[in-house]
Amino acid sequence: MLSARNQFAGTVVSVKSGAVMCEVVIDIGGGHRIVSLISASSAKRLKLRKGRPATAIIKATEVIISSDGAS
């Protein structure tokens, strides 16, 4: 059990591995995807592969958004 309330179960769509980091894309349904950058060692330890189930757990205190079109 985790204290983080924002948990989204889904399916791994892709894992793009680099030397140090991996980009993991999880399809959470309804046309929505969550993209996360995690360490390559964590991706390996979690055995993340395309088609496998995974849960994105989001715990953040702030979100910063900017747009050039703001007036």
C-alpha atoms as a PDB file:
ATOM      1  CA  MET A   1       0.000   0.000   0.000  1.00  0.00           C
ATOM      2  CA  LEU A   2       1.227   3.474  -0.870  1.00  0.00           C
ATOM      3  CA  SER A   3       0.215   6.904   0.348  1.00  0.00           C
ATOM      4  CA  ALA A   4       0.288   8.300  -3.204  1.00  0.00           C
ATOM      5  CA  ARG A   5      -3.299   8.490  -4.445  1.00  0.00           C
ATOM      6  CA  ASN A   6      -2.564   9.118  -8.110  1.00  0.00           C
ATOM      7  CA  GLN A   7      -2.038   5.557  -9.319  1.00  0.00           C
ATOM      8  CA  PHE A   8      -2.751   4.624 -12.924  1.00  0.00           C
ATOM      9  CA  ALA A   9      -2.664   0.975 -13.957  1.00  0.00           C
ATOM     10  CA  GLY A  10      -1.922   0.260 -17.583  1.00  0.00           C
ATOM     11  CA  THR A  11       0.190  -1.536 -20.138  1.00  0.00           C
ATOM     12  CA  VAL A  12       3.740  -0.723 -21.197  1.00  0.00           C
ATOM     13  CA  VAL A  13       3.679   0.564 -24.778  1.00  0.00           C
ATOM     14  CA  SER A  14       7.415   1.142 -25.177  1.00  0.00           C
ATOM     15  CA  VAL A  15      10.723   1.218 -23.345  1.00  0.00           C
ATOM     16  CA  LYS A  16      13.472   3.233 -25.057  1.00  0.00           C
ATOM     17  CA  SER A  17      16.748   2.476 -23.336  1.00  0.00           C
ATOM     18  CA  GLY A  18      19.761   4.749 -23.220  1.00  0.00           C
ATOM     19  CA  ALA A  19      23.086   4.308 -21.458  1.00  0.00           C
ATOM     20  CA  VAL A  20      21.790   5.757 -18.184  1.00  0.00           C
ATOM     21  CA  MET A  21      18.057   6.539 -18.575  1.00  0.00           C
ATOM     22  CA  CYS A  22      14.989   4.894 -20.119  1.00  0.00           C
ATOM     23  CA  GLU A  23      11.815   6.459 -21.481  1.00  0.00           C
ATOM     24  CA  VAL A  24       8.831   4.336 -20.461  1.00  0.00           C
ATOM     25  CA  VAL A  25       5.395   4.887 -22.013  1.00  0.00           C
ATOM     26  CA  ILE A  26       2.350   3.375 -20.278  1.00  0.00           C
ATOM     27  CA  ASP A  27      -1.095   3.277 -21.896  1.00  0.00           C
ATOM     28  CA  ILE A  28      -3.632   3.896 -19.116  1.00  0.00           C
ATOM     29  CA  GLY A  29      -6.704   3.601 -21.345  1.00  0.00           C
ATOM     30  CA  GLY A  30      -9.152   6.105 -22.755  1.00  0.00           C
ATOM     31  CA  GLY A  31      -6.546   7.308 -25.250  1.00  0.00           C
ATOM     32  CA  HIS A  32      -4.228   8.476 -22.454  1.00  0.00           C
ATOM     33  CA  ARG A  33      -0.561   7.665 -22.014  1.00  0.00           C
ATOM     34  CA  ILE A  34       1.921   8.512 -19.292  1.00  0.00           C
ATOM     35  CA  VAL A  35       5.585   8.995 -20.167  1.00  0.00           C
ATOM     36  CA  SER A  36       8.270   8.654 -17.506  1.00  0.00           C
ATOM     37  CA  LEU A  37      12.042   8.858 -17.482  1.00  0.00           C
ATOM     38  CA  ILE A  38      13.607   6.365 -15.084  1.00  0.00           C
ATOM     39  CA  SER A  39      17.081   4.965 -14.632  1.00  0.00           C
ATOM     40  CA  ALA A  40      18.086   2.089 -16.899  1.00  0.00           C
ATOM     41  CA  SER A  41      18.904  -0.005 -13.839  1.00  0.00           C
ATOM     42  CA  SER A  42      15.379   0.546 -12.437  1.00  0.00           C
ATOM     43  CA  ALA A  43      13.768  -0.438 -15.751  1.00  0.00           C
ATOM     44  CA  LYS A  44      15.834  -3.616 -15.760  1.00  0.00           C
ATOM     45  CA  ARG A  45      15.034  -4.409 -12.111  1.00  0.00           C
ATOM     46  CA  LEU A  46      11.299  -3.861 -12.748  1.00  0.00           C
ATOM     47  CA  LYS A  47      11.527  -6.064 -15.880  1.00  0.00           C
ATOM     48  CA  LEU A  48       9.631  -3.471 -17.930  1.00  0.00           C
ATOM     49  CA  ARG A  49       8.794  -4.759 -21.392  1.00  0.00           C
ATOM     50  CA  LYS A  50       6.267  -3.866 -24.094  1.00  0.00           C
ATOM     51  CA  GLY A  51       2.903  -5.469 -23.367  1.00  0.00           C
ATOM     52  CA  ARG A  52       3.513  -6.053 -19.647  1.00  0.00           C
ATOM     53  CA  PRO A  53       1.285  -4.501 -16.979  1.00  0.00           C
ATOM     54  CA  ALA A  54       2.671  -1.571 -14.994  1.00  0.00           C
ATOM     55  CA  THR A  55       1.368   1.126 -12.687  1.00  0.00           C
ATOM     56  CA  ALA A  56       2.350   4.802 -12.892  1.00  0.00           C
ATOM     57  CA  ILE A  57       2.380   6.323  -9.415  1.00  0.00           C
ATOM     58  CA  ILE A  58       2.492  10.111  -9.347  1.00  0.00           C
ATOM     59  CA  LYS A  59       3.453  12.068  -6.233  1.00  0.00           C
ATOM     60  CA  ALA A  60       4.137  15.721  -6.951  1.00  0.00           C
ATOM     61  CA  THR A  61       3.794  18.908  -5.010  1.00  0.00           C
ATOM     62  CA  GLU A  62       3.778  21.218  -8.011  1.00  0.00           C
ATOM     63  CA  VAL A  63       3.289  21.232 -11.770  1.00  0.00           C
ATOM     64  CA  ILE A  64       4.677  24.095 -13.844  1.00  0.00           C
ATOM     65  CA  ILE A  65       3.154  24.808 -17.261  1.00  0.00           C
ATOM     66  CA  SER A  66       4.145  27.552 -19.684  1.00  0.00           C
ATOM     67  CA  SER A  67       2.779  28.664 -23.017  1.00  0.00           C
ATOM     68  CA  ASP A  68       3.981  31.242 -25.544  1.00  0.00           C
ATOM     69  CA  GLY A  69       0.338  31.977 -26.344  1.00  0.00           C
ATOM     70  CA  ALA A  70      -0.520  33.366 -22.890  1.00  0.00           C
ATOM     71  CA  SER A  71      -1.959  36.867 -22.881  1.00  0.00           C
END
